[in-house]
Amino acid sequence: MNHRIMYVCTLCADENPEGCGHYDRLALAVMPNGDWLCEQCWDEVPPGSKRTDENDERGFSDFPHPAEYVQP
């Protein structure tokens, strides 16, 4: 049986997981505080609150992506 993992950002997980779900983990970025953000939420969250330091000029694609799920 072929299984697929769906990744959902931290902000969407409770409110809109169906609208956020991505089969490609590269569609999410991991913030310094550990939150996962999709690109849509990235655009809506003001700099300095959940992303990183307000003086940081990095963009969405500059942050790491969630780790790939590996079944033990």
C-alpha atoms as a PDB file:
ATOM      1  CA  MET A   1       0.000   0.000   0.000  1.00  0.00           C
ATOM      2  CA  ASN A   2       1.347   3.444  -0.957  1.00  0.00           C
ATOM      3  CA  HIS A   3       1.138   6.035   1.852  1.00  0.00           C
ATOM      4  CA  ARG A   4       1.419   9.792   1.589  1.00  0.00           C
ATOM      5  CA  ILE A   5       2.226  12.215   4.394  1.00  0.00           C
ATOM      6  CA  MET A   6       0.424  15.545   4.504  1.00  0.00           C
ATOM      7  CA  TYR A   7       2.182  18.476   6.191  1.00  0.00           C
ATOM      8  CA  VAL A   8       0.134  21.297   7.766  1.00  0.00           C
ATOM      9  CA  CYS A   9       1.429  24.564   9.209  1.00  0.00           C
ATOM     10  CA  THR A  10       1.109  25.369  12.911  1.00  0.00           C
ATOM     11  CA  LEU A  11      -1.378  28.212  12.402  1.00  0.00           C
ATOM     12  CA  CYS A  12      -3.627  26.250  10.045  1.00  0.00           C
ATOM     13  CA  ALA A  13      -3.571  22.994  12.029  1.00  0.00           C
ATOM     14  CA  ASP A  14      -6.491  23.978  14.270  1.00  0.00           C
ATOM     15  CA  GLU A  15      -8.399  26.321  11.967  1.00  0.00           C
ATOM     16  CA  ASN A  16      -8.008  25.064   8.400  1.00  0.00           C
ATOM     17  CA  PRO A  17      -5.982  21.843   7.989  1.00  0.00           C
ATOM     18  CA  GLU A  18      -7.857  20.861   4.823  1.00  0.00           C
ATOM     19  CA  GLY A  19      -6.973  24.155   3.161  1.00  0.00           C
ATOM     20  CA  CYS A  20      -3.323  24.064   4.134  1.00  0.00           C
ATOM     21  CA  GLY A  21      -2.322  20.440   3.707  1.00  0.00           C
ATOM     22  CA  HIS A  22       0.705  19.920   1.492  1.00  0.00           C
ATOM     23  CA  TYR A  23       2.131  16.609   0.325  1.00  0.00           C
ATOM     24  CA  ASP A  24       5.397  18.417  -0.321  1.00  0.00           C
ATOM     25  CA  ARG A  25       7.139  19.358   2.932  1.00  0.00           C
ATOM     26  CA  LEU A  26       9.096  21.997   1.001  1.00  0.00           C
ATOM     27  CA  ALA A  27       5.903  24.089   0.914  1.00  0.00           C
ATOM     28  CA  LEU A  28       6.391  24.822   4.630  1.00  0.00           C
ATOM     29  CA  ALA A  29       9.117  26.707   6.496  1.00  0.00           C
ATOM     30  CA  VAL A  30      10.230  26.119  10.083  1.00  0.00           C
ATOM     31  CA  MET A  31      10.543  29.317  12.102  1.00  0.00           C
ATOM     32  CA  PRO A  32      13.212  29.830  14.794  1.00  0.00           C
ATOM     33  CA  ASN A  33      10.582  29.232  17.499  1.00  0.00           C
ATOM     34  CA  GLY A  34       9.712  25.836  15.957  1.00  0.00           C
ATOM     35  CA  ASP A  35       6.428  26.864  14.323  1.00  0.00           C
ATOM     36  CA  TRP A  36       5.779  25.608  10.817  1.00  0.00           C
ATOM     37  CA  LEU A  37       4.343  28.201   8.420  1.00  0.00           C
ATOM     38  CA  CYS A  38       2.877  27.797   4.953  1.00  0.00           C
ATOM     39  CA  GLU A  39       3.546  30.614   2.514  1.00  0.00           C
ATOM     40  CA  GLN A  40       0.048  32.064   2.914  1.00  0.00           C
ATOM     41  CA  CYS A  41       0.431  32.330   6.698  1.00  0.00           C
ATOM     42  CA  TRP A  42       3.957  33.677   6.255  1.00  0.00           C
ATOM     43  CA  ASP A  43       2.493  36.613   4.315  1.00  0.00           C
ATOM     44  CA  GLU A  44      -0.130  37.273   7.018  1.00  0.00           C
ATOM     45  CA  VAL A  45       2.120  37.141  10.096  1.00  0.00           C
ATOM     46  CA  PRO A  46       3.914  40.428  10.770  1.00  0.00           C
ATOM     47  CA  PRO A  47       7.723  40.356  10.946  1.00  0.00           C
ATOM     48  CA  GLY A  48       9.042  39.975  14.470  1.00  0.00           C
ATOM     49  CA  SER A  49       6.048  38.127  15.906  1.00  0.00           C
ATOM     50  CA  LYS A  50       6.265  34.464  14.907  1.00  0.00           C
ATOM     51  CA  ARG A  51       8.798  34.567  12.095  1.00  0.00           C
ATOM     52  CA  THR A  52      11.960  35.870  13.684  1.00  0.00           C
ATOM     53  CA  ASP A  53      13.618  39.071  14.846  1.00  0.00           C
ATOM     54  CA  GLU A  54      11.962  42.113  13.260  1.00  0.00           C
ATOM     55  CA  ASN A  55      15.334  43.234  11.886  1.00  0.00           C
ATOM     56  CA  ASP A  56      15.850  39.940  10.082  1.00  0.00           C
ATOM     57  CA  GLU A  57      15.464  40.348   6.329  1.00  0.00           C
ATOM     58  CA  ARG A  58      15.245  36.654   5.444  1.00  0.00           C
ATOM     59  CA  GLY A  59      12.369  35.517   3.295  1.00  0.00           C
ATOM     60  CA  PHE A  60      10.158  32.418   3.378  1.00  0.00           C
ATOM     61  CA  SER A  61      12.522  30.372   1.220  1.00  0.00           C
ATOM     62  CA  ASP A  62      15.503  31.151   3.480  1.00  0.00           C
ATOM     63  CA  PHE A  63      14.158  29.071   6.369  1.00  0.00           C
ATOM     64  CA  PRO A  64      14.555  25.292   6.687  1.00  0.00           C
ATOM     65  CA  HIS A  65      11.730  22.918   5.892  1.00  0.00           C
ATOM     66  CA  PRO A  66      10.115  20.371   8.240  1.00  0.00           C
ATOM     67  CA  ALA A  67      12.053  17.172   8.594  1.00  0.00           C
ATOM     68  CA  GLU A  68      10.988  14.308   6.380  1.00  0.00           C
ATOM     69  CA  TYR A  69       8.845  11.793   8.238  1.00  0.00           C
ATOM     70  CA  VAL A  70      10.587   8.460   8.573  1.00  0.00           C
ATOM     71  CA  GLN A  71       8.728   5.522  10.056  1.00  0.00           C
ATOM     72  CA  PRO A  72      10.820   3.821  12.757  1.00  0.00           C
END
